[in-house]
Amino acid sequence: MGCYRETSADLALSMLSLLANPLVGLIKHHRRADRYLQEVRTPTVAPTETWHRINGAFKSELVGVSVHRGLFWRYVATWTAPA
């Protein structure tokens, strides 16, 4: 799972993500946050590659990989090693 850099071709899905974000936030975190979660220490960086470039790289390197784009600028790649 990862995130991709938005381009103008991603406009429709980006708009859907922007509209869904507050709704998902209310569902998952229905109470107001009263403190910062100190235990969350995951390093993050801004995505640099576009969806098309990521998808193309996976497809050229891993035969049989399945790459799906999701909401919130995320993608999931699934691959099963040949038997």
PDB file of N, CA and C in Angstrom:
ATOM      1  N   MET A   1       0.844  -1.173   0.000  1.00  0.00           N
ATOM      2  CA  MET A   1       0.000   0.000   0.000  1.00  0.00           C
ATOM      3  C   MET A   1       0.883   1.228   0.000  1.00  0.00           C
ATOM      4  N   GLY A   2       0.473   2.203  -0.736  1.00  0.00           N
ATOM      5  CA  GLY A   2       1.226   3.444  -0.789  1.00  0.00           C
ATOM      6  C   GLY A   2       0.340   4.577  -1.267  1.00  0.00           C
ATOM      7  N   CYS A   3       0.930   5.745  -1.436  1.00  0.00           N
ATOM      8  CA  CYS A   3       0.212   6.915  -1.936  1.00  0.00           C
ATOM      9  C   CYS A   3       0.870   7.394  -3.218  1.00  0.00           C
ATOM     10  N   TYR A   4       0.081   7.930  -4.117  1.00  0.00           N
ATOM     11  CA  TYR A   4       0.607   8.455  -5.362  1.00  0.00           C
ATOM     12  C   TYR A   4       0.414   9.969  -5.421  1.00  0.00           C
ATOM     13  N   ARG A   5       1.227  10.615  -6.261  1.00  0.00           N
ATOM     14  CA  ARG A   5       1.132  12.063  -6.459  1.00  0.00           C
ATOM     15  C   ARG A   5      -0.016  12.358  -7.408  1.00  0.00           C
ATOM     16  N   GLU A   6      -0.826  13.305  -7.054  1.00  0.00           N
ATOM     17  CA  GLU A   6      -2.000  13.669  -7.843  1.00  0.00           C
ATOM     18  C   GLU A   6      -1.606  14.399  -9.126  1.00  0.00           C
ATOM     19  N   THR A   7      -2.310  14.098 -10.209  1.00  0.00           N
ATOM     20  CA  THR A   7      -2.174  14.826 -11.469  1.00  0.00           C
ATOM     21  C   THR A   7      -3.564  15.283 -11.905  1.00  0.00           C
ATOM     22  N   SER A   8      -3.629  16.046 -12.969  1.00  0.00           N
ATOM     23  CA  SER A   8      -4.934  16.516 -13.449  1.00  0.00           C
ATOM     24  C   SER A   8      -5.822  15.363 -13.900  1.00  0.00           C
ATOM     25  N   ALA A   9      -5.226  14.237 -14.301  1.00  0.00           N
ATOM     26  CA  ALA A   9      -6.009  13.067 -14.709  1.00  0.00           C
ATOM     27  C   ALA A   9      -6.736  12.429 -13.520  1.00  0.00           C
ATOM     28  N   ASP A  10      -6.314  12.748 -12.312  1.00  0.00           N
ATOM     29  CA  ASP A  10      -6.895  12.171 -11.105  1.00  0.00           C
ATOM     30  C   ASP A  10      -8.014  13.035 -10.519  1.00  0.00           C
ATOM     31  N   LEU A  11      -8.426  14.056 -11.230  1.00  0.00           N
ATOM     32  CA  LEU A  11      -9.358  15.048 -10.682  1.00  0.00           C
ATOM     33  C   LEU A  11     -10.651  14.447 -10.140  1.00  0.00           C
ATOM     34  N   ALA A  12     -11.289  13.555 -10.875  1.00  0.00           N
ATOM     35  CA  ALA A  12     -12.581  12.999 -10.425  1.00  0.00           C
ATOM     36  C   ALA A  12     -12.423  12.224  -9.123  1.00  0.00           C
ATOM     37  N   LEU A  13     -11.423  11.357  -9.045  1.00  0.00           N
ATOM     38  CA  LEU A  13     -11.221  10.581  -7.823  1.00  0.00           C
ATOM     39  C   LEU A  13     -10.752  11.478  -6.679  1.00  0.00           C
ATOM     40  N   SER A  14      -9.987  12.509  -6.995  1.00  0.00           N
ATOM     41  CA  SER A  14      -9.537  13.450  -5.965  1.00  0.00           C
ATOM     42  C   SER A  14     -10.714  14.202  -5.355  1.00  0.00           C
ATOM     43  N   MET A  15     -11.656  14.612  -6.194  1.00  0.00           N
ATOM     44  CA  MET A  15     -12.837  15.317  -5.688  1.00  0.00           C
ATOM     45  C   MET A  15     -13.670  14.398  -4.800  1.00  0.00           C
ATOM     46  N   LEU A  16     -13.815  13.150  -5.206  1.00  0.00           N
ATOM     47  CA  LEU A  16     -14.546  12.186  -4.395  1.00  0.00           C
ATOM     48  C   LEU A  16     -13.834  11.985  -3.050  1.00  0.00           C
ATOM     49  N   SER A  17     -12.515  11.906  -3.075  1.00  0.00           N
ATOM     50  CA  SER A  17     -11.742  11.751  -1.842  1.00  0.00           C
ATOM     51  C   SER A  17     -11.912  12.960  -0.926  1.00  0.00           C
ATOM     52  N   LEU A  18     -11.889  14.157  -1.504  1.00  0.00           N
ATOM     53  CA  LEU A  18     -12.054  15.366  -0.699  1.00  0.00           C
ATOM     54  C   LEU A  18     -13.430  15.428  -0.044  1.00  0.00           C
ATOM     55  N   LEU A  19     -14.453  14.988  -0.769  1.00  0.00           N
ATOM     56  CA  LEU A  19     -15.801  14.983  -0.211  1.00  0.00           C
ATOM     57  C   LEU A  19     -15.976  13.886   0.836  1.00  0.00           C
ATOM     58  N   ALA A  20     -15.340  12.744   0.636  1.00  0.00           N
ATOM     59  CA  ALA A  20     -15.499  11.615   1.557  1.00  0.00           C
ATOM     60  C   ALA A  20     -14.666  11.759   2.819  1.00  0.00           C
ATOM     61  N   ASN A  21     -13.596  12.536   2.774  1.00  0.00           N
ATOM     62  CA  ASN A  21     -12.687  12.624   3.906  1.00  0.00           C
ATOM     63  C   ASN A  21     -13.369  13.038   5.220  1.00  0.00           C
ATOM     64  N   PRO A  22     -14.156  14.110   5.249  1.00  0.00           N
ATOM     65  CA  PRO A  22     -14.815  14.477   6.511  1.00  0.00           C
ATOM     66  C   PRO A  22     -15.799  13.409   6.988  1.00  0.00           C
ATOM     67  N   LEU A  23     -16.502  12.786   6.056  1.00  0.00           N
ATOM     68  CA  LEU A  23     -17.460  11.745   6.416  1.00  0.00           C
ATOM     69  C   LEU A  23     -16.752  10.545   7.047  1.00  0.00           C
ATOM     70  N   VAL A  24     -15.685  10.103   6.448  1.00  0.00           N
ATOM     71  CA  VAL A  24     -14.912   8.980   7.001  1.00  0.00           C
ATOM     72  C   VAL A  24     -14.343   9.369   8.364  1.00  0.00           C
ATOM     73  N   GLY A  25     -13.884  10.594   8.495  1.00  0.00           N
ATOM     74  CA  GLY A  25     -13.373  11.063   9.781  1.00  0.00           C
ATOM     75  C   GLY A  25     -14.430  11.015  10.870  1.00  0.00           C
ATOM     76  N   LEU A  26     -15.652  11.423  10.551  1.00  0.00           N
ATOM     77  CA  LEU A  26     -16.736  11.382  11.540  1.00  0.00           C
ATOM     78  C   LEU A  26     -17.111   9.955  11.923  1.00  0.00           C
ATOM     79  N   ILE A  27     -17.079   9.057  10.950  1.00  0.00           N
ATOM     80  CA  ILE A  27     -17.441   7.668  11.227  1.00  0.00           C
ATOM     81  C   ILE A  27     -16.372   6.979  12.072  1.00  0.00           C
ATOM     82  N   LYS A  28     -15.123   7.162  11.696  1.00  0.00           N
ATOM     83  CA  LYS A  28     -14.042   6.468  12.388  1.00  0.00           C
ATOM     84  C   LYS A  28     -13.664   7.118  13.717  1.00  0.00           C
ATOM     85  N   HIS A  29     -13.835   8.426  13.811  1.00  0.00           N
ATOM     86  CA  HIS A  29     -13.434   9.156  15.018  1.00  0.00           C
ATOM     87  C   HIS A  29     -14.578  10.073  15.428  1.00  0.00           C
ATOM     88  N   HIS A  30     -15.635   9.466  15.921  1.00  0.00           N
ATOM     89  CA  HIS A  30     -16.858  10.223  16.191  1.00  0.00           C
ATOM     90  C   HIS A  30     -16.761  11.147  17.400  1.00  0.00           C
ATOM     91  N   ARG A  31     -15.723  10.976  18.228  1.00  0.00           N
ATOM     92  CA  ARG A  31     -15.534  11.895  19.352  1.00  0.00           C
ATOM     93  C   ARG A  31     -14.439  12.896  19.009  1.00  0.00           C
ATOM     94  N   ARG A  32     -14.533  14.065  19.545  1.00  0.00           N
ATOM     95  CA  ARG A  32     -13.528  15.100  19.322  1.00  0.00           C
ATOM     96  C   ARG A  32     -12.215  14.695  19.985  1.00  0.00           C
ATOM     97  N   ALA A  33     -11.127  14.876  19.284  1.00  0.00           N
ATOM     98  CA  ALA A  33      -9.812  14.542  19.839  1.00  0.00           C
ATOM     99  C   ALA A  33      -9.468  15.513  20.954  1.00  0.00           C
ATOM    100  N   ASP A  34      -9.049  14.976  22.087  1.00  0.00           N
ATOM    101  CA  ASP A  34      -8.686  15.848  23.207  1.00  0.00           C
ATOM    102  C   ASP A  34      -7.180  15.874  23.460  1.00  0.00           C
ATOM    103  N   ARG A  35      -6.426  15.053  22.697  1.00  0.00           N
ATOM    104  CA  ARG A  35      -4.971  15.061  22.832  1.00  0.00           C
ATOM    105  C   ARG A  35      -4.346  14.480  21.572  1.00  0.00           C
ATOM    106  N   TYR A  36      -3.072  14.789  21.368  1.00  0.00           N
ATOM    107  CA  TYR A  36      -2.326  14.250  20.246  1.00  0.00           C
ATOM    108  C   TYR A  36      -1.888  12.836  20.577  1.00  0.00           C
ATOM    109  N   LEU A  37      -2.005  11.928  19.625  1.00  0.00           N
ATOM    110  CA  LEU A  37      -1.602  10.546  19.860  1.00  0.00           C
ATOM    111  C   LEU A  37      -0.082  10.435  19.801  1.00  0.00           C
ATOM    112  N   GLN A  38       0.559  10.360  20.935  1.00  0.00           N
ATOM    113  CA  GLN A  38       2.016  10.306  21.014  1.00  0.00           C
ATOM    114  C   GLN A  38       2.587   9.007  20.476  1.00  0.00           C
ATOM    115  N   GLU A  39       1.813   7.924  20.523  1.00  0.00           N
ATOM    116  CA  GLU A  39       2.342   6.632  20.107  1.00  0.00           C
ATOM    117  C   GLU A  39       2.465   6.488  18.588  1.00  0.00           C
ATOM    118  N   VAL A  40       1.888   7.400  17.822  1.00  0.00           N
ATOM    119  CA  VAL A  40       1.987   7.341  16.366  1.00  0.00           C
ATOM    120  C   VAL A  40       3.316   7.976  15.950  1.00  0.00           C
ATOM    121  N   ARG A  41       4.227   7.146  15.461  1.00  0.00           N
ATOM    122  CA  ARG A  41       5.554   7.628  15.083  1.00  0.00           C
ATOM    123  C   ARG A  41       5.945   7.165  13.681  1.00  0.00           C
ATOM    124  N   THR A  42       4.978   6.982  12.824  1.00  0.00           N
ATOM    125  CA  THR A  42       5.236   6.513  11.478  1.00  0.00           C
ATOM    126  C   THR A  42       5.863   7.630  10.648  1.00  0.00           C
ATOM    127  N   PRO A  43       7.036   7.376  10.051  1.00  0.00           N
ATOM    128  CA  PRO A  43       7.629   8.409   9.199  1.00  0.00           C
ATOM    129  C   PRO A  43       6.844   8.543   7.897  1.00  0.00           C
ATOM    130  N   THR A  44       6.704   9.741   7.410  1.00  0.00           N
ATOM    131  CA  THR A  44       5.984   9.963   6.167  1.00  0.00           C
ATOM    132  C   THR A  44       6.763  10.923   5.271  1.00  0.00           C
ATOM    133  N   VAL A  45       6.547  10.803   3.986  1.00  0.00           N
ATOM    134  CA  VAL A  45       7.090  11.730   2.996  1.00  0.00           C
ATOM    135  C   VAL A  45       6.006  11.977   1.960  1.00  0.00           C
ATOM    136  N   ALA A  46       6.080  13.100   1.300  1.00  0.00           N
ATOM    137  CA  ALA A  46       5.108  13.402   0.250  1.00  0.00           C
ATOM    138  C   ALA A  46       5.341  12.470  -0.937  1.00  0.00           C
ATOM    139  N   PRO A  47       4.279  11.971  -1.561  1.00  0.00           N
ATOM    140  CA  PRO A  47       4.453  11.083  -2.718  1.00  0.00           C
ATOM    141  C   PRO A  47       5.082  11.837  -3.884  1.00  0.00           C
ATOM    142  N   THR A  48       5.962  11.163  -4.610  1.00  0.00           N
ATOM    143  CA  THR A  48       6.638  11.795  -5.743  1.00  0.00           C
ATOM    144  C   THR A  48       6.237  11.190  -7.080  1.00  0.00           C
ATOM    145  N   GLU A  49       5.739   9.968  -7.093  1.00  0.00           N
ATOM    146  CA  GLU A  49       5.388   9.283  -8.337  1.00  0.00           C
ATOM    147  C   GLU A  49       3.886   9.333  -8.585  1.00  0.00           C
ATOM    148  N   THR A  50       3.524   9.409  -9.860  1.00  0.00           N
ATOM    149  CA  THR A  50       2.108   9.423 -10.226  1.00  0.00           C
ATOM    150  C   THR A  50       1.567   7.996 -10.255  1.00  0.00           C
ATOM    151  N   TRP A  51       0.243   7.890 -10.270  1.00  0.00           N
ATOM    152  CA  TRP A  51      -0.417   6.587 -10.342  1.00  0.00           C
ATOM    153  C   TRP A  51       0.021   5.820 -11.592  1.00  0.00           C
ATOM    154  N   HIS A  52       0.061   6.474 -12.715  1.00  0.00           N
ATOM    155  CA  HIS A  52       0.404   5.788 -13.967  1.00  0.00           C
ATOM    156  C   HIS A  52       1.838   5.260 -13.934  1.00  0.00           C
ATOM    157  N   ARG A  53       2.728   6.013 -13.355  1.00  0.00           N
ATOM    158  CA  ARG A  53       4.126   5.571 -13.273  1.00  0.00           C
ATOM    159  C   ARG A  53       4.281   4.397 -12.302  1.00  0.00           C
ATOM    160  N   ILE A  54       3.606   4.461 -11.171  1.00  0.00           N
ATOM    161  CA  ILE A  54       3.654   3.371 -10.193  1.00  0.00           C
ATOM    162  C   ILE A  54       3.058   2.100 -10.788  1.00  0.00           C
ATOM    163  N   ASN A  55       1.890   2.223 -11.397  1.00  0.00           N
ATOM    164  CA  ASN A  55       1.221   1.072 -12.009  1.00  0.00           C
ATOM    165  C   ASN A  55       2.114   0.455 -13.088  1.00  0.00           C
ATOM    166  N   GLY A  56       2.697   1.280 -13.933  1.00  0.00           N
ATOM    167  CA  GLY A  56       3.571   0.788 -14.991  1.00  0.00           C
ATOM    168  C   GLY A  56       4.808   0.083 -14.451  1.00  0.00           C
ATOM    169  N   ALA A  57       5.387   0.626 -13.384  1.00  0.00           N
ATOM    170  CA  ALA A  57       6.577   0.006 -12.793  1.00  0.00           C
ATOM    171  C   ALA A  57       6.244  -1.366 -12.218  1.00  0.00           C
ATOM    172  N   PHE A  58       5.122  -1.466 -11.500  1.00  0.00           N
ATOM    173  CA  PHE A  58       4.720  -2.762 -10.953  1.00  0.00           C
ATOM    174  C   PHE A  58       4.500  -3.770 -12.073  1.00  0.00           C
ATOM    175  N   LYS A  59       3.756  -3.365 -13.090  1.00  0.00           N
ATOM    176  CA  LYS A  59       3.407  -4.287 -14.184  1.00  0.00           C
ATOM    177  C   LYS A  59       4.645  -4.740 -14.969  1.00  0.00           C
ATOM    178  N   SER A  60       5.644  -3.869 -15.095  1.00  0.00           N
ATOM    179  CA  SER A  60       6.837  -4.253 -15.852  1.00  0.00           C
ATOM    180  C   SER A  60       7.790  -5.134 -15.046  1.00  0.00           C
ATOM    181  N   GLU A  61       7.697  -5.078 -13.727  1.00  0.00           N
ATOM    182  CA  GLU A  61       8.630  -5.830 -12.886  1.00  0.00           C
ATOM    183  C   GLU A  61       8.062  -7.127 -12.321  1.00  0.00           C
ATOM    184  N   LEU A  62       6.745  -7.180 -12.088  1.00  0.00           N
ATOM    185  CA  LEU A  62       6.141  -8.349 -11.455  1.00  0.00           C
ATOM    186  C   LEU A  62       5.027  -8.921 -12.332  1.00  0.00           C
ATOM    187  N   VAL A  63       5.291 -10.054 -12.929  1.00  0.00           N
ATOM    188  CA  VAL A  63       4.280 -10.713 -13.758  1.00  0.00           C
ATOM    189  C   VAL A  63       3.137 -11.172 -12.857  1.00  0.00           C
ATOM    190  N   GLY A  64       1.929 -10.822 -13.225  1.00  0.00           N
ATOM    191  CA  GLY A  64       0.757 -11.238 -12.467  1.00  0.00           C
ATOM    192  C   GLY A  64       0.383 -10.333 -11.312  1.00  0.00           C
ATOM    193  N   VAL A  65       1.022  -9.178 -11.189  1.00  0.00           N
ATOM    194  CA  VAL A  65       0.682  -8.255 -10.101  1.00  0.00           C
ATOM    195  C   VAL A  65      -0.660  -7.588 -10.400  1.00  0.00           C
ATOM    196  N   SER A  66      -1.390  -7.307  -9.349  1.00  0.00           N
ATOM    197  CA  SER A  66      -2.663  -6.607  -9.459  1.00  0.00           C
ATOM    198  C   SER A  66      -2.532  -5.306  -8.667  1.00  0.00           C
ATOM    199  N   VAL A  67      -2.738  -4.178  -9.329  1.00  0.00           N
ATOM    200  CA  VAL A  67      -2.596  -2.873  -8.682  1.00  0.00           C
ATOM    201  C   VAL A  67      -3.941  -2.162  -8.763  1.00  0.00           C
ATOM    202  N   HIS A  68      -4.452  -1.738  -7.618  1.00  0.00           N
ATOM    203  CA  HIS A  68      -5.750  -1.070  -7.564  1.00  0.00           C
ATOM    204  C   HIS A  68      -5.603   0.305  -6.924  1.00  0.00           C
ATOM    205  N   ARG A  69      -6.259   1.266  -7.518  1.00  0.00           N
ATOM    206  CA  ARG A  69      -6.275   2.624  -6.983  1.00  0.00           C
ATOM    207  C   ARG A  69      -7.452   2.747  -6.019  1.00  0.00           C
ATOM    208  N   GLY A  70      -7.239   3.473  -4.935  1.00  0.00           N
ATOM    209  CA  GLY A  70      -8.296   3.655  -3.953  1.00  0.00           C
ATOM    210  C   GLY A  70      -8.531   5.115  -3.630  1.00  0.00           C
ATOM    211  N   LEU A  71      -9.427   5.346  -2.706  1.00  0.00           N
ATOM    212  CA  LEU A  71      -9.670   6.714  -2.247  1.00  0.00           C
ATOM    213  C   LEU A  71      -8.456   7.241  -1.487  1.00  0.00           C
ATOM    214  N   PHE A  72      -8.410   8.537  -1.342  1.00  0.00           N
ATOM    215  CA  PHE A  72      -7.382   9.224  -0.560  1.00  0.00           C
ATOM    216  C   PHE A  72      -5.991   9.021  -1.140  1.00  0.00           C
ATOM    217  N   TRP A  73      -5.884   8.960  -2.462  1.00  0.00           N
ATOM    218  CA  TRP A  73      -4.621   8.913  -3.184  1.00  0.00           C
ATOM    219  C   TRP A  73      -3.785   7.691  -2.817  1.00  0.00           C
ATOM    220  N   ARG A  74      -4.447   6.600  -2.536  1.00  0.00           N
ATOM    221  CA  ARG A  74      -3.758   5.370  -2.156  1.00  0.00           C
ATOM    222  C   ARG A  74      -3.855   4.333  -3.259  1.00  0.00           C
ATOM    223  N   TYR A  75      -2.916   3.408  -3.219  1.00  0.00           N
ATOM    224  CA  TYR A  75      -2.975   2.258  -4.118  1.00  0.00           C
ATOM    225  C   TYR A  75      -2.557   1.022  -3.332  1.00  0.00           C
ATOM    226  N   VAL A  76      -3.006  -0.139  -3.798  1.00  0.00           N
ATOM    227  CA  VAL A  76      -2.642  -1.415  -3.190  1.00  0.00           C
ATOM    228  C   VAL A  76      -2.166  -2.329  -4.311  1.00  0.00           C
ATOM    229  N   ALA A  77      -0.984  -2.901  -4.129  1.00  0.00           N
ATOM    230  CA  ALA A  77      -0.451  -3.867  -5.086  1.00  0.00           C
ATOM    231  C   ALA A  77      -0.475  -5.239  -4.421  1.00  0.00           C
ATOM    232  N   THR A  78      -0.992  -6.225  -5.158  1.00  0.00           N
ATOM    233  CA  THR A  78      -1.067  -7.598  -4.656  1.00  0.00           C
ATOM    234  C   THR A  78      -0.380  -8.514  -5.650  1.00  0.00           C
ATOM    235  N   TRP A  79       0.502  -9.371  -5.128  1.00  0.00           N
ATOM    236  CA  TRP A  79       1.228 -10.288  -5.989  1.00  0.00           C
ATOM    237  C   TRP A  79       1.390 -11.602  -5.271  1.00  0.00           C
ATOM    238  N   THR A  80       1.192 -12.677  -5.991  1.00  0.00           N
ATOM    239  CA  THR A  80       1.407 -14.017  -5.456  1.00  0.00           C
ATOM    240  C   THR A  80       2.534 -14.667  -6.241  1.00  0.00           C
ATOM    241  N   ALA A  81       3.524 -15.152  -5.539  1.00  0.00           N
ATOM    242  CA  ALA A  81       4.671 -15.794  -6.196  1.00  0.00           C
ATOM    243  C   ALA A  81       4.218 -17.020  -6.973  1.00  0.00           C
ATOM    244  N   PRO A  82       4.789 -17.239  -8.167  1.00  0.00           N
ATOM    245  CA  PRO A  82       4.433 -18.422  -8.930  1.00  0.00           C
ATOM    246  C   PRO A  82       4.826 -19.689  -8.182  1.00  0.00           C
ATOM    247  N   ALA A  83       4.020 -20.725  -8.333  1.00  0.00           N
ATOM    248  CA  ALA A  83       4.283 -21.979  -7.617  1.00  0.00           C
ATOM    249  C   ALA A  83       5.392 -22.781  -8.257  1.00  0.00           C
TER     250      ALA A  83
END
